[in-house]
């Protein structure tokens, strides 16, 4: 195995753990605030905020990035750009 392959496999393991942890705590339909392009304060030209819910379980991309789909946006959003909303009980 090359060094590149080893790094890729490690990234996939980390990403899969993040996706699995997210899925264990947050089922499909969980209310979230999602930032598809960039988080607040990083680049206001690309900033978009979605008050939405998850529509799929989280999964990983080929490079190991953990993503989830939300209502109102096509494609996956990196988990680092998704904030779970606290629901009042």
C-alpha atoms as a PDB file:
ATOM      1  CA  UNK A   1       0.000   0.000   0.000  1.00  0.00           C
ATOM      2  CA  UNK A   2       1.332   3.410  -0.945  1.00  0.00           C
ATOM      3  CA  UNK A   3       1.470   6.333   1.455  1.00  0.00           C
ATOM      4  CA  UNK A   4      -1.369   8.006  -0.470  1.00  0.00           C
ATOM      5  CA  UNK A   5      -3.555   4.911  -0.156  1.00  0.00           C
ATOM      6  CA  UNK A   6      -2.814   4.664   3.563  1.00  0.00           C
ATOM      7  CA  UNK A   7      -3.765   8.336   4.108  1.00  0.00           C
ATOM      8  CA  UNK A   8      -6.939   7.872   2.066  1.00  0.00           C
ATOM      9  CA  UNK A   9      -7.972   4.784   4.037  1.00  0.00           C
ATOM     10  CA  UNK A  10      -7.313   6.618   7.312  1.00  0.00           C
ATOM     11  CA  UNK A  11      -9.425   9.571   6.107  1.00  0.00           C
ATOM     12  CA  UNK A  12     -12.232   7.191   5.162  1.00  0.00           C
ATOM     13  CA  UNK A  13     -12.138   5.554   8.603  1.00  0.00           C
ATOM     14  CA  UNK A  14     -12.278   8.954  10.337  1.00  0.00           C
ATOM     15  CA  UNK A  15     -15.083  10.148   8.077  1.00  0.00           C
ATOM     16  CA  UNK A  16     -17.075   6.945   8.530  1.00  0.00           C
ATOM     17  CA  UNK A  17     -16.776   7.249  12.309  1.00  0.00           C
ATOM     18  CA  UNK A  18     -18.037  10.835  12.153  1.00  0.00           C
ATOM     19  CA  UNK A  19     -20.963   9.772   9.935  1.00  0.00           C
ATOM     20  CA  UNK A  20     -21.773   6.799  12.185  1.00  0.00           C
ATOM     21  CA  UNK A  21     -21.648   8.986  15.317  1.00  0.00           C
ATOM     22  CA  UNK A  22     -23.904  11.587  13.695  1.00  0.00           C
ATOM     23  CA  UNK A  23     -26.387   8.922  12.583  1.00  0.00           C
ATOM     24  CA  UNK A  24     -26.470   7.325  16.037  1.00  0.00           C
ATOM     25  CA  UNK A  25     -27.536  10.635  17.595  1.00  0.00           C
ATOM     26  CA  UNK A  26     -29.559  12.255  14.818  1.00  0.00           C
ATOM     27  CA  UNK A  27     -32.141  10.299  12.786  1.00  0.00           C
ATOM     28  CA  UNK A  28     -33.451  11.440   9.404  1.00  0.00           C
ATOM     29  CA  UNK A  29     -35.737  14.426   9.981  1.00  0.00           C
ATOM     30  CA  UNK A  30     -33.519  16.058  12.601  1.00  0.00           C
ATOM     31  CA  UNK A  31     -33.853  19.884  12.563  1.00  0.00           C
ATOM     32  CA  UNK A  32     -30.562  21.523  11.539  1.00  0.00           C
ATOM     33  CA  UNK A  33     -29.076  24.812  10.435  1.00  0.00           C
ATOM     34  CA  UNK A  34     -26.988  24.046   7.361  1.00  0.00           C
ATOM     35  CA  UNK A  35     -24.378  26.154   5.605  1.00  0.00           C
ATOM     36  CA  UNK A  36     -23.846  24.522   2.178  1.00  0.00           C
ATOM     37  CA  UNK A  37     -21.048  26.748   0.908  1.00  0.00           C
ATOM     38  CA  UNK A  38     -19.302  28.285   3.899  1.00  0.00           C
ATOM     39  CA  UNK A  39     -19.924  28.888   7.577  1.00  0.00           C
ATOM     40  CA  UNK A  40     -20.912  32.361   8.834  1.00  0.00           C
ATOM     41  CA  UNK A  41     -18.138  34.926   8.866  1.00  0.00           C
ATOM     42  CA  UNK A  42     -15.839  33.069   6.466  1.00  0.00           C
ATOM     43  CA  UNK A  43     -16.828  34.437   3.051  1.00  0.00           C
ATOM     44  CA  UNK A  44     -20.047  36.458   2.946  1.00  0.00           C
ATOM     45  CA  UNK A  45     -20.228  36.263  -0.876  1.00  0.00           C
ATOM     46  CA  UNK A  46     -20.755  32.507  -0.650  1.00  0.00           C
ATOM     47  CA  UNK A  47     -22.724  32.439   2.599  1.00  0.00           C
ATOM     48  CA  UNK A  48     -26.091  30.707   2.566  1.00  0.00           C
ATOM     49  CA  UNK A  49     -28.008  29.538   5.624  1.00  0.00           C
ATOM     50  CA  UNK A  50     -30.692  26.846   5.516  1.00  0.00           C
ATOM     51  CA  UNK A  51     -33.096  26.275   8.412  1.00  0.00           C
ATOM     52  CA  UNK A  52     -34.105  22.740   7.478  1.00  0.00           C
ATOM     53  CA  UNK A  53     -34.110  19.026   8.403  1.00  0.00           C
ATOM     54  CA  UNK A  54     -31.927  16.107   7.388  1.00  0.00           C
ATOM     55  CA  UNK A  55     -33.347  13.934   4.625  1.00  0.00           C
ATOM     56  CA  UNK A  56     -30.787  11.118   4.597  1.00  0.00           C
ATOM     57  CA  UNK A  57     -28.412   9.442   7.010  1.00  0.00           C
ATOM     58  CA  UNK A  58     -24.863  10.810   6.851  1.00  0.00           C
ATOM     59  CA  UNK A  59     -22.371   8.999   4.584  1.00  0.00           C
ATOM     60  CA  UNK A  60     -18.835   9.528   3.315  1.00  0.00           C
ATOM     61  CA  UNK A  61     -17.575  10.675  -0.047  1.00  0.00           C
ATOM     62  CA  UNK A  62     -14.714   8.972  -1.857  1.00  0.00           C
ATOM     63  CA  UNK A  63     -12.158  11.132  -0.061  1.00  0.00           C
ATOM     64  CA  UNK A  64     -13.651  10.292   3.346  1.00  0.00           C
ATOM     65  CA  UNK A  65     -15.563  13.560   3.845  1.00  0.00           C
ATOM     66  CA  UNK A  66     -18.686  12.958   5.964  1.00  0.00           C
ATOM     67  CA  UNK A  67     -21.804  14.564   4.466  1.00  0.00           C
ATOM     68  CA  UNK A  68     -25.580  14.587   4.920  1.00  0.00           C
ATOM     69  CA  UNK A  69     -28.462  15.668   2.663  1.00  0.00           C
ATOM     70  CA  UNK A  70     -30.999  18.215   3.877  1.00  0.00           C
ATOM     71  CA  UNK A  71     -34.375  19.364   2.601  1.00  0.00           C
ATOM     72  CA  UNK A  72     -34.051  22.274   0.173  1.00  0.00           C
ATOM     73  CA  UNK A  73     -30.548  21.526  -1.080  1.00  0.00           C
ATOM     74  CA  UNK A  74     -29.345  19.089  -3.740  1.00  0.00           C
ATOM     75  CA  UNK A  75     -26.328  17.031  -2.727  1.00  0.00           C
ATOM     76  CA  UNK A  76     -24.488  16.477   0.511  1.00  0.00           C
ATOM     77  CA  UNK A  77     -23.327  19.097   2.983  1.00  0.00           C
ATOM     78  CA  UNK A  78     -20.176  18.434   5.001  1.00  0.00           C
ATOM     79  CA  UNK A  79     -21.004  17.662   8.631  1.00  0.00           C
ATOM     80  CA  UNK A  80     -18.756  20.529   9.742  1.00  0.00           C
ATOM     81  CA  UNK A  81     -21.290  22.828   8.007  1.00  0.00           C
ATOM     82  CA  UNK A  82     -24.335  21.386   9.798  1.00  0.00           C
ATOM     83  CA  UNK A  83     -25.454  22.498  13.254  1.00  0.00           C
ATOM     84  CA  UNK A  84     -28.106  20.384  14.962  1.00  0.00           C
ATOM     85  CA  UNK A  85     -30.847  22.594  16.370  1.00  0.00           C
ATOM     86  CA  UNK A  86     -31.884  22.108  19.967  1.00  0.00           C
ATOM     87  CA  UNK A  87     -35.549  21.160  20.167  1.00  0.00           C
ATOM     88  CA  UNK A  88     -37.440  22.387  23.209  1.00  0.00           C
ATOM     89  CA  UNK A  89     -39.029  19.526  25.125  1.00  0.00           C
END
